[in-house]
């Protein structure tokens, strides 16, 4: 089943620049953050976790080997489907 078919799921795609207030507002209502595919980390996942979000993000293989218990769920474009 495709996530777009789920009821009561609101998908917000951040494209471009958002003001700080908008980021905080969206994170305060979110349950899951899919951050980046193929680019590593930035500070948004850490902030999202502070709001209680589960974070999905891609990260390099060396990171997975050295930080096996990372609090961020590793994804790729293929595993996100």
N, C-alpha and C. Protein backbone atom coordinates (compact mmCIF):
# COMPACT_ATOMS: atom_id res chain seq x y z
N UNK A 1 0.84 -1.18 0.00
CA UNK A 1 0.00 0.00 0.00
C UNK A 1 0.89 1.25 0.00
N UNK A 2 0.53 2.19 -0.78
CA UNK A 2 1.27 3.43 -0.89
C UNK A 2 0.87 4.37 0.24
N UNK A 3 1.83 5.07 0.81
CA UNK A 3 1.54 5.98 1.92
C UNK A 3 0.53 7.06 1.52
N UNK A 4 0.48 7.41 0.26
CA UNK A 4 -0.48 8.42 -0.19
C UNK A 4 -1.92 7.93 -0.06
N UNK A 5 -2.11 6.61 0.05
CA UNK A 5 -3.44 6.03 0.21
C UNK A 5 -3.90 6.00 1.67
N UNK A 6 -3.00 6.27 2.59
CA UNK A 6 -3.35 6.21 4.01
C UNK A 6 -4.28 7.37 4.37
N UNK A 7 -5.25 7.08 5.20
CA UNK A 7 -6.14 8.13 5.68
C UNK A 7 -5.50 8.79 6.90
N UNK A 8 -5.83 10.02 7.13
CA UNK A 8 -5.35 10.77 8.28
C UNK A 8 -3.83 10.95 8.29
N UNK A 9 -3.21 10.92 7.12
CA UNK A 9 -1.78 11.18 7.02
C UNK A 9 -1.61 12.43 6.18
N UNK A 10 -0.94 13.40 6.75
CA UNK A 10 -0.68 14.65 6.04
C UNK A 10 0.80 14.68 5.69
N UNK A 11 1.11 14.77 4.41
CA UNK A 11 2.49 14.82 3.96
C UNK A 11 2.82 16.26 3.59
N UNK A 12 3.87 16.76 4.19
CA UNK A 12 4.32 18.13 3.91
C UNK A 12 5.72 18.03 3.33
N UNK A 13 5.92 18.60 2.18
CA UNK A 13 7.23 18.60 1.54
C UNK A 13 7.82 19.99 1.65
N UNK A 14 8.95 20.06 2.34
CA UNK A 14 9.63 21.35 2.49
C UNK A 14 10.48 21.57 1.26
N UNK A 15 10.12 22.56 0.50
CA UNK A 15 10.85 22.89 -0.70
C UNK A 15 11.20 24.37 -0.63
N UNK A 16 12.47 24.66 -0.62
CA UNK A 16 12.88 26.05 -0.51
C UNK A 16 13.08 26.47 0.93
N UNK A 17 13.15 27.76 1.14
CA UNK A 17 13.43 28.34 2.45
C UNK A 17 12.16 28.50 3.27
N UNK A 18 12.21 28.08 4.53
CA UNK A 18 11.11 28.31 5.48
C UNK A 18 11.62 29.20 6.60
N UNK A 19 10.77 30.10 7.05
CA UNK A 19 11.11 30.92 8.21
C UNK A 19 11.17 30.02 9.45
N UNK A 20 11.93 30.45 10.44
CA UNK A 20 12.14 29.68 11.67
C UNK A 20 10.81 29.31 12.34
N UNK A 21 9.88 30.24 12.42
CA UNK A 21 8.59 29.98 13.06
C UNK A 21 7.83 28.85 12.36
N UNK A 22 7.91 28.80 11.06
CA UNK A 22 7.21 27.74 10.31
C UNK A 22 7.82 26.38 10.60
N UNK A 23 9.13 26.32 10.65
CA UNK A 23 9.81 25.05 10.96
C UNK A 23 9.38 24.55 12.33
N UNK A 24 9.40 25.43 13.33
CA UNK A 24 9.01 25.04 14.69
C UNK A 24 7.56 24.61 14.74
N UNK A 25 6.69 25.31 14.03
CA UNK A 25 5.27 24.97 14.02
C UNK A 25 5.05 23.58 13.42
N UNK A 26 5.67 23.31 12.28
CA UNK A 26 5.48 22.02 11.62
C UNK A 26 6.06 20.88 12.45
N UNK A 27 7.23 21.09 13.04
CA UNK A 27 7.83 20.04 13.88
C UNK A 27 6.99 19.76 15.12
N UNK A 28 6.35 20.77 15.66
CA UNK A 28 5.54 20.57 16.86
C UNK A 28 4.31 19.72 16.58
N UNK A 29 3.89 19.64 15.32
CA UNK A 29 2.71 18.84 14.94
C UNK A 29 3.09 17.50 14.32
N UNK A 30 4.36 17.32 13.98
CA UNK A 30 4.79 16.13 13.23
C UNK A 30 5.05 14.94 14.15
N UNK A 31 4.95 13.74 13.56
CA UNK A 31 5.31 12.51 14.24
C UNK A 31 6.53 11.87 13.60
N UNK A 32 6.70 12.08 12.29
CA UNK A 32 7.80 11.48 11.53
C UNK A 32 8.42 12.56 10.65
N UNK A 33 9.74 12.55 10.59
CA UNK A 33 10.47 13.43 9.67
C UNK A 33 11.30 12.56 8.75
N UNK A 34 11.07 12.65 7.46
CA UNK A 34 11.96 12.05 6.46
C UNK A 34 12.85 13.18 6.02
N UNK A 35 14.11 13.12 6.41
CA UNK A 35 14.98 14.28 6.22
C UNK A 35 15.64 14.33 4.86
N UNK A 36 16.63 13.50 4.62
CA UNK A 36 17.38 13.60 3.36
C UNK A 36 17.71 12.21 2.84
N UNK A 37 17.83 12.13 1.54
CA UNK A 37 18.26 10.90 0.89
C UNK A 37 19.55 11.17 0.15
N UNK A 38 20.64 10.63 0.66
CA UNK A 38 21.92 10.73 -0.04
C UNK A 38 22.79 11.91 0.31
N UNK A 39 22.41 12.72 1.28
CA UNK A 39 23.21 13.91 1.57
C UNK A 39 23.76 13.93 2.99
N UNK A 40 23.43 12.95 3.82
CA UNK A 40 23.93 12.95 5.19
C UNK A 40 23.02 13.74 6.11
N UNK A 41 23.59 14.22 7.20
CA UNK A 41 22.81 14.89 8.24
C UNK A 41 22.92 16.39 8.16
N UNK A 42 21.96 17.04 8.78
CA UNK A 42 22.03 18.46 9.09
C UNK A 42 21.45 18.59 10.50
N UNK A 43 21.13 19.76 10.94
CA UNK A 43 20.64 19.93 12.31
C UNK A 43 19.14 19.66 12.46
N UNK A 44 18.40 19.62 11.38
CA UNK A 44 16.96 19.42 11.45
C UNK A 44 16.57 18.11 12.15
N UNK A 45 17.24 16.97 11.88
CA UNK A 45 16.86 15.75 12.59
C UNK A 45 17.00 15.85 14.11
N UNK A 46 18.04 16.49 14.55
CA UNK A 46 18.24 16.65 16.00
C UNK A 46 17.12 17.48 16.59
N UNK A 47 16.78 18.54 15.92
CA UNK A 47 15.68 19.38 16.38
C UNK A 47 14.35 18.62 16.36
N UNK A 48 14.12 17.85 15.30
CA UNK A 48 12.89 17.08 15.20
C UNK A 48 12.79 16.07 16.35
N UNK A 49 13.90 15.42 16.68
CA UNK A 49 13.89 14.47 17.80
C UNK A 49 13.56 15.17 19.11
N UNK A 50 13.99 16.41 19.25
CA UNK A 50 13.68 17.14 20.49
C UNK A 50 12.18 17.43 20.60
N UNK A 51 11.49 17.41 19.46
CA UNK A 51 10.03 17.57 19.45
C UNK A 51 9.32 16.22 19.56
N UNK A 52 10.08 15.12 19.61
CA UNK A 52 9.50 13.80 19.75
C UNK A 52 9.27 13.07 18.44
N UNK A 53 9.80 13.58 17.35
CA UNK A 53 9.62 12.94 16.04
C UNK A 53 10.56 11.75 15.88
N UNK A 54 10.09 10.74 15.16
CA UNK A 54 10.96 9.69 14.68
C UNK A 54 11.56 10.21 13.38
N UNK A 55 12.88 10.05 13.23
CA UNK A 55 13.57 10.62 12.07
C UNK A 55 14.09 9.51 11.17
N UNK A 56 13.81 9.66 9.87
CA UNK A 56 14.33 8.78 8.83
C UNK A 56 15.31 9.60 8.00
N UNK A 57 16.50 9.07 7.76
CA UNK A 57 17.53 9.81 7.04
C UNK A 57 18.51 8.81 6.44
N UNK A 58 19.10 9.14 5.32
CA UNK A 58 20.17 8.30 4.80
C UNK A 58 21.48 8.74 5.46
N UNK A 59 22.38 7.80 5.61
CA UNK A 59 23.71 8.15 6.09
C UNK A 59 24.72 7.18 5.49
N UNK A 60 25.98 7.58 5.45
CA UNK A 60 26.99 6.76 4.79
C UNK A 60 27.25 5.44 5.53
N UNK A 61 27.79 4.48 4.79
CA UNK A 61 28.07 3.16 5.37
C UNK A 61 29.02 3.24 6.56
N UNK A 62 30.03 4.13 6.51
CA UNK A 62 30.95 4.22 7.64
C UNK A 62 30.21 4.63 8.91
N UNK A 63 29.17 5.45 8.76
CA UNK A 63 28.40 5.89 9.92
C UNK A 63 27.62 4.72 10.50
N UNK A 64 26.99 3.93 9.63
CA UNK A 64 26.23 2.76 10.09
C UNK A 64 27.14 1.77 10.83
N UNK A 65 28.37 1.59 10.33
CA UNK A 65 29.32 0.67 10.98
C UNK A 65 29.76 1.18 12.34
N UNK A 66 30.02 2.48 12.45
CA UNK A 66 30.59 3.05 13.67
C UNK A 66 29.56 3.50 14.69
N UNK A 67 28.33 3.70 14.27
CA UNK A 67 27.25 4.12 15.17
C UNK A 67 26.04 3.21 14.93
N UNK A 68 26.15 1.93 15.32
CA UNK A 68 25.07 0.99 15.00
C UNK A 68 23.76 1.28 15.72
N UNK A 69 23.81 1.97 16.83
CA UNK A 69 22.61 2.27 17.61
C UNK A 69 22.15 3.72 17.44
N UNK A 70 22.38 4.28 16.28
CA UNK A 70 21.99 5.66 16.03
C UNK A 70 20.48 5.82 16.22
N UNK A 71 20.04 6.93 16.79
CA UNK A 71 18.61 7.13 17.03
C UNK A 71 17.83 7.51 15.78
N UNK A 72 18.51 7.52 14.65
CA UNK A 72 17.87 7.89 13.38
C UNK A 72 17.76 6.64 12.52
N UNK A 73 16.58 6.42 11.95
CA UNK A 73 16.34 5.24 11.12
C UNK A 73 16.98 5.45 9.75
N UNK A 74 17.86 4.52 9.39
CA UNK A 74 18.55 4.63 8.10
C UNK A 74 17.61 4.23 6.97
N UNK A 75 17.57 5.07 5.93
CA UNK A 75 16.76 4.77 4.75
C UNK A 75 17.55 5.07 3.48
N UNK A 76 17.06 4.51 2.39
CA UNK A 76 17.54 4.87 1.06
C UNK A 76 16.30 5.15 0.23
N UNK A 77 16.47 5.62 -0.96
CA UNK A 77 15.31 5.86 -1.84
C UNK A 77 14.56 4.56 -2.08
N UNK A 78 15.27 3.44 -2.14
CA UNK A 78 14.64 2.16 -2.38
C UNK A 78 13.88 1.65 -1.16
N UNK A 79 14.44 1.81 0.02
CA UNK A 79 13.77 1.29 1.23
C UNK A 79 12.64 2.17 1.71
N UNK A 80 12.56 3.38 1.21
CA UNK A 80 11.50 4.30 1.62
C UNK A 80 10.17 3.99 0.95
N UNK A 81 10.19 3.27 -0.16
CA UNK A 81 8.97 3.02 -0.91
C UNK A 81 7.88 2.40 -0.07
